[in-house]
Amino acid sequence: MLSYRHSFHAGNFADVLKHLIQVEVLEYLQRKDKPFVYIDTHAGAGIYLLESAESSKNNEYLTGIGRLSAADWPELKVYLHAVEQCQKGAGEPVYPGSPWLGQFYLREQDRAFLYELHPQDLAILEQMTYRDRRVQVRGEDGFAGLIALLPTTIKRGLVVMDPPYEIKTDYQTAVTTLIAAHRRMATATYALWYPVVERRRIDQMERQFRSSGLRNIQLFELGVAADTDARGMTASGMILINPPYTLKARMEAVLPRLAQALGNGSANWRAEVLVAE
């Protein structure tokens, strides 16, 4: 249950999609002076050394962030700027996780709550944030923690849910938890990351969201290969509840080129409205 370490996969194509969308939402929230809250239910370590033993095992970042440069990708300037700032601060090849990006976008009036159970990743996360009074790190289960936390006093915000899916019930738990969270605080944006390993599990999640009674749900997916029955992740996606109105057009513009750059001959992408407003 606690064996998953994102350090083996940091900066891969799935991270590119996840963090591109995360940064787009956070930048949108910054457009108003009103405070926002950032909640990360499965935060991980927060920052990853790309030359670590774990990352070097498969070097997944070379077919993800390693293929993207600011000069060649002006349409990704906000995302790539954040990655560049993380690397400048560290002084070595690193890649930011979702909690680092969340903290990076916080202003004085904003707040963050980060949940992580893995003891090693929790220690790194605490070290990264211990001087920041805007951020609370909690060594708790993120599913239960989110429900207990909501509603927060700040009603605007972004909830990122990125479970490891080591336990197959995580697919179901993620959906039911987000539906329950929305009932407690309907004004936030909720973003659920998922891996495409078995397409039937994603189809089931989509059906559950469509029949949930919630409105304004969108899905964005980036695939580097066609679906297969073989082992391994061929695509990943994000399902968002209450996304910014600007997000779909942005993703429709960039996903075709990303699929071509990061995938193989059978790369693919999706940008769909699951439930209208």
C-alpha atoms as a PDB file:
ATOM      1  CA  MET A   1       0.000   0.000   0.000  1.00  0.00           C
ATOM      2  CA  LEU A   2       2.894   2.328   0.705  1.00  0.00           C
ATOM      3  CA  SER A   3       5.348   1.012  -1.864  1.00  0.00           C
ATOM      4  CA  TYR A   4       4.663   3.467  -4.704  1.00  0.00           C
ATOM      5  CA  ARG A   5       7.409   6.070  -5.255  1.00  0.00           C
ATOM      6  CA  HIS A   6       6.839   8.696  -7.900  1.00  0.00           C
ATOM      7  CA  SER A   7      10.583   9.314  -8.128  1.00  0.00           C
ATOM      8  CA  PHE A   8      10.769   6.428 -10.623  1.00  0.00           C
ATOM      9  CA  HIS A   9       8.426   8.276 -13.016  1.00  0.00           C
ATOM     10  CA  ALA A  10       9.007  11.999 -12.391  1.00  0.00           C
ATOM     11  CA  GLY A  11       8.850  14.184 -15.476  1.00  0.00           C
ATOM     12  CA  ASN A  12       7.327  11.567 -17.764  1.00  0.00           C
ATOM     13  CA  PHE A  13       4.556  12.263 -20.286  1.00  0.00           C
ATOM     14  CA  ALA A  14       1.876  11.754 -17.631  1.00  0.00           C
ATOM     15  CA  ASP A  15       3.479  14.403 -15.424  1.00  0.00           C
ATOM     16  CA  VAL A  16       3.577  16.808 -18.344  1.00  0.00           C
ATOM     17  CA  LEU A  17      -0.177  16.525 -18.829  1.00  0.00           C
ATOM     18  CA  LYS A  18      -0.999  16.619 -15.120  1.00  0.00           C
ATOM     19  CA  HIS A  19       1.187  19.588 -14.288  1.00  0.00           C
ATOM     20  CA  LEU A  20       0.330  21.536 -17.420  1.00  0.00           C
ATOM     21  CA  ILE A  21      -3.329  21.404 -16.403  1.00  0.00           C
ATOM     22  CA  GLN A  22      -2.527  22.135 -12.759  1.00  0.00           C
ATOM     23  CA  VAL A  23      -0.539  25.239 -13.672  1.00  0.00           C
ATOM     24  CA  GLU A  24      -3.268  26.445 -16.044  1.00  0.00           C
ATOM     25  CA  VAL A  25      -5.837  26.256 -13.228  1.00  0.00           C
ATOM     26  CA  LEU A  26      -3.563  27.895 -10.640  1.00  0.00           C
ATOM     27  CA  GLU A  27      -2.666  30.728 -13.008  1.00  0.00           C
ATOM     28  CA  TYR A  28      -6.379  31.254 -13.630  1.00  0.00           C
ATOM     29  CA  LEU A  29      -7.082  31.400  -9.881  1.00  0.00           C
ATOM     30  CA  GLN A  30      -4.379  34.046  -9.497  1.00  0.00           C
ATOM     31  CA  ARG A  31      -6.232  36.416 -11.800  1.00  0.00           C
ATOM     32  CA  LYS A  32      -8.436  37.487  -8.899  1.00  0.00           C
ATOM     33  CA  ASP A  33      -7.100  38.997  -5.684  1.00  0.00           C
ATOM     34  CA  LYS A  34      -9.432  36.845  -3.593  1.00  0.00           C
ATOM     35  CA  PRO A  35      -7.573  34.043  -1.780  1.00  0.00           C
ATOM     36  CA  PHE A  36      -7.646  30.453  -2.944  1.00  0.00           C
ATOM     37  CA  VAL A  37      -6.863  27.140  -1.276  1.00  0.00           C
ATOM     38  CA  TYR A  38      -4.728  24.414  -2.826  1.00  0.00           C
ATOM     39  CA  ILE A  39      -5.316  20.834  -1.627  1.00  0.00           C
ATOM     40  CA  ASP A  40      -3.176  17.871  -2.725  1.00  0.00           C
ATOM     41  CA  THR A  41      -4.543  14.527  -1.513  1.00  0.00           C
ATOM     42  CA  HIS A  42      -1.592  12.365  -2.592  1.00  0.00           C
ATOM     43  CA  ALA A  43       1.238  14.854  -2.647  1.00  0.00           C
ATOM     44  CA  GLY A  44       4.378  12.730  -2.936  1.00  0.00           C
ATOM     45  CA  ALA A  45       7.811  14.160  -2.185  1.00  0.00           C
ATOM     46  CA  GLY A  46       7.217  17.489  -3.923  1.00  0.00           C
ATOM     47  CA  ILE A  47      10.505  17.627  -5.823  1.00  0.00           C
ATOM     48  CA  TYR A  48      12.463  14.914  -7.639  1.00  0.00           C
ATOM     49  CA  LEU A  49      16.119  14.609  -8.557  1.00  0.00           C
ATOM     50  CA  LEU A  50      16.301  13.487 -12.178  1.00  0.00           C
ATOM     51  CA  GLU A  51      19.722  11.917 -11.710  1.00  0.00           C
ATOM     52  CA  SER A  52      18.685   9.828  -8.700  1.00  0.00           C
ATOM     53  CA  ALA A  53      18.966   6.045  -8.713  1.00  0.00           C
ATOM     54  CA  GLU A  54      15.182   5.758  -8.956  1.00  0.00           C
ATOM     55  CA  SER A  55      14.784   8.168 -11.864  1.00  0.00           C
ATOM     56  CA  SER A  56      17.811   6.767 -13.695  1.00  0.00           C
ATOM     57  CA  LYS A  57      16.321   3.276 -13.703  1.00  0.00           C
ATOM     58  CA  ASN A  58      14.088   4.066 -16.686  1.00  0.00           C
ATOM     59  CA  ASN A  59      14.856   7.755 -17.412  1.00  0.00           C
ATOM     60  CA  GLU A  60      11.184   8.357 -18.148  1.00  0.00           C
ATOM     61  CA  TYR A  61      11.682  12.119 -18.076  1.00  0.00           C
ATOM     62  CA  LEU A  62      13.676  11.888 -21.335  1.00  0.00           C
ATOM     63  CA  THR A  63      10.453  11.108 -23.205  1.00  0.00           C
ATOM     64  CA  GLY A  64       8.486  13.687 -21.216  1.00  0.00           C
ATOM     65  CA  ILE A  65       9.783  17.017 -19.961  1.00  0.00           C
ATOM     66  CA  GLY A  66      13.145  16.228 -21.583  1.00  0.00           C
ATOM     67  CA  ARG A  67      11.598  16.729 -25.034  1.00  0.00           C
ATOM     68  CA  LEU A  68      10.186  20.177 -24.284  1.00  0.00           C
ATOM     69  CA  SER A  69      12.071  23.463 -24.395  1.00  0.00           C
ATOM     70  CA  ALA A  70      10.797  26.996 -23.883  1.00  0.00           C
ATOM     71  CA  ALA A  71      12.207  28.072 -27.254  1.00  0.00           C
ATOM     72  CA  ASP A  72      10.248  25.416 -29.137  1.00  0.00           C
ATOM     73  CA  TRP A  73       7.078  25.531 -27.050  1.00  0.00           C
ATOM     74  CA  PRO A  74       5.900  29.128 -26.493  1.00  0.00           C
ATOM     75  CA  GLU A  75       2.375  27.797 -25.903  1.00  0.00           C
ATOM     76  CA  LEU A  76       3.691  26.052 -22.760  1.00  0.00           C
ATOM     77  CA  LYS A  77       5.547  29.079 -21.393  1.00  0.00           C
ATOM     78  CA  VAL A  78       3.675  29.217 -18.077  1.00  0.00           C
ATOM     79  CA  TYR A  79       4.277  25.542 -17.295  1.00  0.00           C
ATOM     80  CA  LEU A  80       7.872  25.515 -18.525  1.00  0.00           C
ATOM     81  CA  HIS A  81       8.657  28.695 -16.580  1.00  0.00           C
ATOM     82  CA  ALA A  82       7.546  27.000 -13.363  1.00  0.00           C
ATOM     83  CA  VAL A  83       9.729  23.960 -14.105  1.00  0.00           C
ATOM     84  CA  GLU A  84      12.678  26.265 -14.875  1.00  0.00           C
ATOM     85  CA  GLN A  85      12.229  28.130 -11.585  1.00  0.00           C
ATOM     86  CA  CYS A  86      12.241  24.847  -9.680  1.00  0.00           C
ATOM     87  CA  GLN A  87      15.494  23.827 -11.336  1.00  0.00           C
ATOM     88  CA  LYS A  88      17.100  27.212 -10.706  1.00  0.00           C
ATOM     89  CA  GLY A  89      16.196  27.037  -7.031  1.00  0.00           C
ATOM     90  CA  ALA A  90      17.624  23.555  -6.659  1.00  0.00           C
ATOM     91  CA  GLY A  91      20.755  24.192  -8.682  1.00  0.00           C
ATOM     92  CA  GLU A  92      20.651  20.700 -10.191  1.00  0.00           C
ATOM     93  CA  PRO A  93      18.441  18.676 -12.558  1.00  0.00           C
ATOM     94  CA  VAL A  94      15.137  18.289 -10.743  1.00  0.00           C
ATOM     95  CA  TYR A  95      11.472  18.103 -11.619  1.00  0.00           C
ATOM     96  CA  PRO A  96       8.697  19.668  -9.506  1.00  0.00           C
ATOM     97  CA  GLY A  97       5.859  17.572  -8.179  1.00  0.00           C
ATOM     98  CA  SER A  98       2.325  18.911  -7.808  1.00  0.00           C
ATOM     99  CA  PRO A  99       2.872  20.217  -4.224  1.00  0.00           C
ATOM    100  CA  TRP A 100       5.912  22.243  -5.313  1.00  0.00           C
ATOM    101  CA  LEU A 101       3.858  23.779  -8.110  1.00  0.00           C
ATOM    102  CA  GLY A 102       0.995  24.447  -5.717  1.00  0.00           C
ATOM    103  CA  GLN A 103       3.318  26.198  -3.281  1.00  0.00           C
ATOM    104  CA  PHE A 104       4.987  28.142  -6.106  1.00  0.00           C
ATOM    105  CA  TYR A 105       1.672  29.746  -7.043  1.00  0.00           C
ATOM    106  CA  LEU A 106       0.583  30.629  -3.515  1.00  0.00           C
ATOM    107  CA  ARG A 107       0.326  34.290  -2.626  1.00  0.00           C
ATOM    108  CA  GLU A 108       0.353  35.699   0.897  1.00  0.00           C
ATOM    109  CA  GLN A 109      -3.436  35.345   1.198  1.00  0.00           C
ATOM    110  CA  ASP A 110      -3.588  31.768  -0.140  1.00  0.00           C
ATOM    111  CA  ARG A 111      -3.309  28.473   1.758  1.00  0.00           C
ATOM    112  CA  ALA A 112      -2.350  24.862   0.984  1.00  0.00           C
ATOM    113  CA  PHE A 113      -2.998  21.465   2.562  1.00  0.00           C
ATOM    114  CA  LEU A 114      -0.774  18.569   1.474  1.00  0.00           C
ATOM    115  CA  TYR A 115      -1.463  14.922   2.354  1.00  0.00           C
ATOM    116  CA  GLU A 116       1.104  12.129   2.109  1.00  0.00           C
ATOM    117  CA  LEU A 117       1.427   8.723   3.806  1.00  0.00           C
ATOM    118  CA  HIS A 118       4.773   7.388   2.571  1.00  0.00           C
ATOM    119  CA  PRO A 119       7.250   8.169   5.385  1.00  0.00           C
ATOM    120  CA  GLN A 120      10.201   9.010   3.126  1.00  0.00           C
ATOM    121  CA  ASP A 121       8.196  11.240   0.820  1.00  0.00           C
ATOM    122  CA  LEU A 122       6.484  12.838   3.808  1.00  0.00           C
ATOM    123  CA  ALA A 123       9.854  13.778   5.302  1.00  0.00           C
ATOM    124  CA  ILE A 124      10.982  15.408   2.035  1.00  0.00           C
ATOM    125  CA  LEU A 125       7.667  17.233   1.749  1.00  0.00           C
ATOM    126  CA  GLU A 126       7.936  18.558   5.293  1.00  0.00           C
ATOM    127  CA  GLN A 127      11.476  19.748   4.667  1.00  0.00           C
ATOM    128  CA  MET A 128      10.368  21.550   1.499  1.00  0.00           C
ATOM    129  CA  THR A 129       7.572  23.450   3.273  1.00  0.00           C
ATOM    130  CA  TYR A 130       8.537  23.760   6.943  1.00  0.00           C
ATOM    131  CA  ARG A 131       9.237  27.511   6.820  1.00  0.00           C
ATOM    132  CA  ASP A 132       6.060  28.312   4.906  1.00  0.00           C
ATOM    133  CA  ARG A 133       3.211  29.249   7.238  1.00  0.00           C
ATOM    134  CA  ARG A 134       0.779  29.158   4.320  1.00  0.00           C
ATOM    135  CA  VAL A 135       1.226  25.385   3.951  1.00  0.00           C
ATOM    136  CA  GLN A 136       0.092  22.532   6.190  1.00  0.00           C
ATOM    137  CA  VAL A 137       1.540  19.055   5.587  1.00  0.00           C
ATOM    138  CA  ARG A 138      -0.423  16.135   7.004  1.00  0.00           C
ATOM    139  CA  GLY A 139       0.731  12.531   7.213  1.00  0.00           C
ATOM    140  CA  GLU A 140      -2.777  11.218   6.707  1.00  0.00           C
ATOM    141  CA  ASP A 141      -4.845   9.344   4.149  1.00  0.00           C
ATOM    142  CA  GLY A 142      -5.746  11.934   1.541  1.00  0.00           C
ATOM    143  CA  PHE A 143      -9.162  10.517   0.700  1.00  0.00           C
ATOM    144  CA  ALA A 144     -10.404  10.730   4.282  1.00  0.00           C
ATOM    145  CA  GLY A 145      -8.440  13.910   4.945  1.00  0.00           C
ATOM    146  CA  LEU A 146     -10.109  15.782   2.117  1.00  0.00           C
ATOM    147  CA  ILE A 147     -13.614  15.002   3.345  1.00  0.00           C
ATOM    148  CA  ALA A 148     -12.708  15.961   6.912  1.00  0.00           C
ATOM    149  CA  LEU A 149     -11.149  19.240   5.750  1.00  0.00           C
ATOM    150  CA  LEU A 150     -14.012  20.509   3.608  1.00  0.00           C
ATOM    151  CA  PRO A 151     -15.494  23.005   3.512  1.00  0.00           C
ATOM    152  CA  THR A 152     -12.535  25.311   4.059  1.00  0.00           C
ATOM    153  CA  THR A 153     -12.995  28.936   5.050  1.00  0.00           C
ATOM    154  CA  ILE A 154     -11.597  29.889   1.633  1.00  0.00           C
ATOM    155  CA  LYS A 155     -14.153  28.767  -0.941  1.00  0.00           C
ATOM    156  CA  ARG A 156     -12.125  29.211  -4.146  1.00  0.00           C
ATOM    157  CA  GLY A 157      -9.442  26.693  -4.901  1.00  0.00           C
ATOM    158  CA  LEU A 158      -8.017  23.616  -6.573  1.00  0.00           C
ATOM    159  CA  VAL A 159      -8.073  20.049  -5.293  1.00  0.00           C
ATOM    160  CA  VAL A 160      -5.607  17.712  -7.014  1.00  0.00           C
ATOM    161  CA  MET A 161      -6.193  13.992  -6.491  1.00  0.00           C
ATOM    162  CA  ASP A 162      -3.448  11.715  -7.792  1.00  0.00           C
ATOM    163  CA  PRO A 163      -3.660   8.334  -6.037  1.00  0.00           C
ATOM    164  CA  PRO A 164      -1.135   5.613  -6.883  1.00  0.00           C
ATOM    165  CA  TYR A 165      -3.856   3.157  -7.980  1.00  0.00           C
ATOM    166  CA  GLU A 166      -1.821   0.291  -6.501  1.00  0.00           C
ATOM    167  CA  ILE A 167      -5.053  -0.825  -4.893  1.00  0.00           C
ATOM    168  CA  LYS A 168      -7.673  -1.366  -7.597  1.00  0.00           C
ATOM    169  CA  THR A 169     -10.377   0.088  -5.378  1.00  0.00           C
ATOM    170  CA  ASP A 170      -8.623   3.470  -5.684  1.00  0.00           C
ATOM    171  CA  TYR A 171     -10.507   4.018  -8.949  1.00  0.00           C
ATOM    172  CA  GLN A 172     -13.848   3.719  -7.188  1.00  0.00           C
ATOM    173  CA  THR A 173     -12.695   5.519  -4.043  1.00  0.00           C
ATOM    174  CA  ALA A 174     -11.426   8.470  -6.063  1.00  0.00           C
ATOM    175  CA  VAL A 175     -14.777   8.975  -7.786  1.00  0.00           C
ATOM    176  CA  THR A 176     -16.919   8.611  -4.675  1.00  0.00           C
ATOM    177  CA  THR A 177     -14.582  10.858  -2.662  1.00  0.00           C
ATOM    178  CA  LEU A 178     -14.695  13.635  -5.251  1.00  0.00           C
ATOM    179  CA  ILE A 179     -18.478  13.476  -5.483  1.00  0.00           C
ATOM    180  CA  ALA A 180     -18.698  13.708  -1.691  1.00  0.00           C
ATOM    181  CA  ALA A 181     -16.149  16.541  -1.631  1.00  0.00           C
ATOM    182  CA  HIS A 182     -18.144  18.504  -4.192  1.00  0.00           C
ATOM    183  CA  ARG A 183     -21.225  18.192  -2.017  1.00  0.00           C
ATOM    184  CA  ARG A 184     -19.288  19.792   0.839  1.00  0.00           C
ATOM    185  CA  MET A 185     -17.716  22.575  -1.246  1.00  0.00           C
ATOM    186  CA  ALA A 186     -19.165  23.013  -4.715  1.00  0.00           C
ATOM    187  CA  THR A 187     -17.195  26.169  -5.538  1.00  0.00           C
ATOM    188  CA  ALA A 188     -13.741  24.562  -5.917  1.00  0.00           C
ATOM    189  CA  THR A 189     -12.138  23.038  -8.984  1.00  0.00           C
ATOM    190  CA  TYR A 190     -11.415  19.308  -8.602  1.00  0.00           C
ATOM    191  CA  ALA A 191      -8.812  17.573 -10.763  1.00  0.00           C
ATOM    192  CA  LEU A 192      -8.440  13.784 -10.797  1.00  0.00           C
ATOM    193  CA  TRP A 193      -5.438  12.211 -12.519  1.00  0.00           C
ATOM    194  CA  TYR A 194      -5.748   8.643 -13.834  1.00  0.00           C
ATOM    195  CA  PRO A 195      -3.526   6.147 -15.683  1.00  0.00           C
ATOM    196  CA  VAL A 196      -4.790   4.186 -18.660  1.00  0.00           C
ATOM    197  CA  VAL A 197      -3.624   0.648 -17.912  1.00  0.00           C
ATOM    198  CA  GLU A 198      -6.999  -1.048 -18.286  1.00  0.00           C
ATOM    199  CA  ARG A 199      -9.371   1.023 -20.400  1.00  0.00           C
ATOM    200  CA  ARG A 200     -12.449  -0.587 -18.852  1.00  0.00           C
ATOM    201  CA  ARG A 201     -11.629   1.017 -15.499  1.00  0.00           C
ATOM    202  CA  ILE A 202     -11.534   4.471 -17.072  1.00  0.00           C
ATOM    203  CA  ASP A 203     -14.776   3.812 -18.929  1.00  0.00           C
ATOM    204  CA  GLN A 204     -16.381   2.929 -15.615  1.00  0.00           C
ATOM    205  CA  MET A 205     -15.106   6.133 -13.984  1.00  0.00           C
ATOM    206  CA  GLU A 206     -16.518   8.182 -16.840  1.00  0.00           C
ATOM    207  CA  ARG A 207     -19.914   6.516 -16.512  1.00  0.00           C
ATOM    208  CA  GLN A 208     -19.957   7.225 -12.785  1.00  0.00           C
ATOM    209  CA  PHE A 209     -19.191  10.899 -13.277  1.00  0.00           C
ATOM    210  CA  ARG A 210     -21.793  11.206 -16.034  1.00  0.00           C
ATOM    211  CA  SER A 211     -24.460   9.747 -13.757  1.00  0.00           C
ATOM    212  CA  SER A 212     -23.315  11.566 -10.595  1.00  0.00           C
ATOM    213  CA  GLY A 213     -25.638  14.534 -10.936  1.00  0.00           C
ATOM    214  CA  LEU A 214     -22.678  16.924 -10.982  1.00  0.00           C
ATOM    215  CA  ARG A 215     -22.371  19.529 -13.722  1.00  0.00           C
ATOM    216  CA  ASN A 216     -19.461  21.014 -15.654  1.00  0.00           C
ATOM    217  CA  ILE A 217     -17.089  18.038 -15.940  1.00  0.00           C
ATOM    218  CA  GLN A 218     -14.358  17.848 -18.578  1.00  0.00           C
ATOM    219  CA  LEU A 219     -11.793  15.186 -19.504  1.00  0.00           C
ATOM    220  CA  PHE A 220      -8.343  15.606 -21.040  1.00  0.00           C
ATOM    221  CA  GLU A 221      -6.160  12.681 -22.045  1.00  0.00           C
ATOM    222  CA  LEU A 222      -2.731  12.206 -23.596  1.00  0.00           C
ATOM    223  CA  GLY A 223      -1.750   8.815 -24.986  1.00  0.00           C
ATOM    224  CA  VAL A 224       1.695   7.819 -26.230  1.00  0.00           C
ATOM    225  CA  ALA A 225       0.499   4.477 -27.613  1.00  0.00           C
ATOM    226  CA  ALA A 226      -2.739   2.705 -28.464  1.00  0.00           C
ATOM    227  CA  ASP A 227      -4.677   0.885 -25.761  1.00  0.00           C
ATOM    228  CA  THR A 228      -3.387  -2.620 -25.198  1.00  0.00           C
ATOM    229  CA  ASP A 229      -3.947  -5.660 -23.013  1.00  0.00           C
ATOM    230  CA  ALA A 230      -0.218  -5.808 -22.321  1.00  0.00           C
ATOM    231  CA  ARG A 231       1.225  -4.500 -19.074  1.00  0.00           C
ATOM    232  CA  GLY A 232       2.049  -0.822 -18.754  1.00  0.00           C
ATOM    233  CA  MET A 233       0.512   2.651 -18.980  1.00  0.00           C
ATOM    234  CA  THR A 234      -0.243   3.791 -22.524  1.00  0.00           C
ATOM    235  CA  ALA A 235      -2.025   7.038 -21.664  1.00  0.00           C
ATOM    236  CA  SER A 236      -3.040   9.214 -18.745  1.00  0.00           C
ATOM    237  CA  GLY A 237      -5.755  11.740 -18.209  1.00  0.00           C
ATOM    238  CA  MET A 238      -7.311  14.355 -15.991  1.00  0.00           C
ATOM    239  CA  ILE A 239     -10.989  14.675 -15.150  1.00  0.00           C
ATOM    240  CA  LEU A 240     -11.919  18.137 -13.911  1.00  0.00           C
ATOM    241  CA  ILE A 241     -15.026  19.312 -12.130  1.00  0.00           C
ATOM    242  CA  ASN A 242     -15.591  23.080 -12.460  1.00  0.00           C
ATOM    243  CA  PRO A 243     -12.622  23.708 -14.783  1.00  0.00           C
ATOM    244  CA  PRO A 244     -11.779  27.269 -15.846  1.00  0.00           C
ATOM    245  CA  TYR A 245     -13.782  28.263 -18.896  1.00  0.00           C
ATOM    246  CA  THR A 246     -10.496  28.858 -20.742  1.00  0.00           C
ATOM    247  CA  LEU A 247      -9.076  25.372 -20.222  1.00  0.00           C
ATOM    248  CA  LYS A 248     -10.743  23.328 -22.940  1.00  0.00           C
ATOM    249  CA  ALA A 249      -9.695  25.631 -25.777  1.00  0.00           C
ATOM    250  CA  ARG A 250      -6.135  25.730 -24.409  1.00  0.00           C
ATOM    251  CA  MET A 251      -5.896  21.948 -24.254  1.00  0.00           C
ATOM    252  CA  GLU A 252      -7.467  21.433 -27.677  1.00  0.00           C
ATOM    253  CA  ALA A 253      -4.763  23.697 -29.081  1.00  0.00           C
ATOM    254  CA  VAL A 254      -1.785  22.021 -27.390  1.00  0.00           C
ATOM    255  CA  LEU A 255      -2.689  18.332 -27.019  1.00  0.00           C
ATOM    256  CA  PRO A 256      -2.320  17.358 -30.704  1.00  0.00           C
ATOM    257  CA  ARG A 257       1.235  18.683 -30.798  1.00  0.00           C
ATOM    258  CA  LEU A 258       2.100  17.153 -27.427  1.00  0.00           C
ATOM    259  CA  ALA A 259       0.850  13.767 -28.572  1.00  0.00           C
ATOM    260  CA  GLN A 260       3.029  13.995 -31.660  1.00  0.00           C
ATOM    261  CA  ALA A 261       6.087  15.089 -29.672  1.00  0.00           C
ATOM    262  CA  LEU A 262       5.836  12.658 -26.766  1.00  0.00           C
ATOM    263  CA  GLY A 263       4.227   9.625 -28.383  1.00  0.00           C
ATOM    264  CA  ASN A 264       4.898   7.155 -31.136  1.00  0.00           C
ATOM    265  CA  GLY A 265       3.011   6.469 -34.334  1.00  0.00           C
ATOM    266  CA  SER A 266      -0.161   5.570 -32.434  1.00  0.00           C
ATOM    267  CA  ALA A 267      -0.164   8.540 -30.054  1.00  0.00           C
ATOM    268  CA  ASN A 268      -3.592   9.991 -29.287  1.00  0.00           C
ATOM    269  CA  TRP A 269      -5.412  12.636 -27.265  1.00  0.00           C
ATOM    270  CA  ARG A 270      -8.866  13.557 -25.986  1.00  0.00           C
ATOM    271  CA  ALA A 271     -10.519  16.790 -24.872  1.00  0.00           C
ATOM    272  CA  GLU A 272     -14.164  16.178 -24.045  1.00  0.00           C
ATOM    273  CA  VAL A 273     -17.073  17.516 -22.050  1.00  0.00           C
ATOM    274  CA  LEU A 274     -18.362  14.658 -19.914  1.00  0.00           C
ATOM    275  CA  VAL A 275     -21.165  16.738 -18.413  1.00  0.00           C
ATOM    276  CA  ALA A 276     -22.144  20.212 -19.571  1.00  0.00           C
ATOM    277  CA  GLU A 277     -22.611  23.169 -17.238  1.00  0.00           C
END
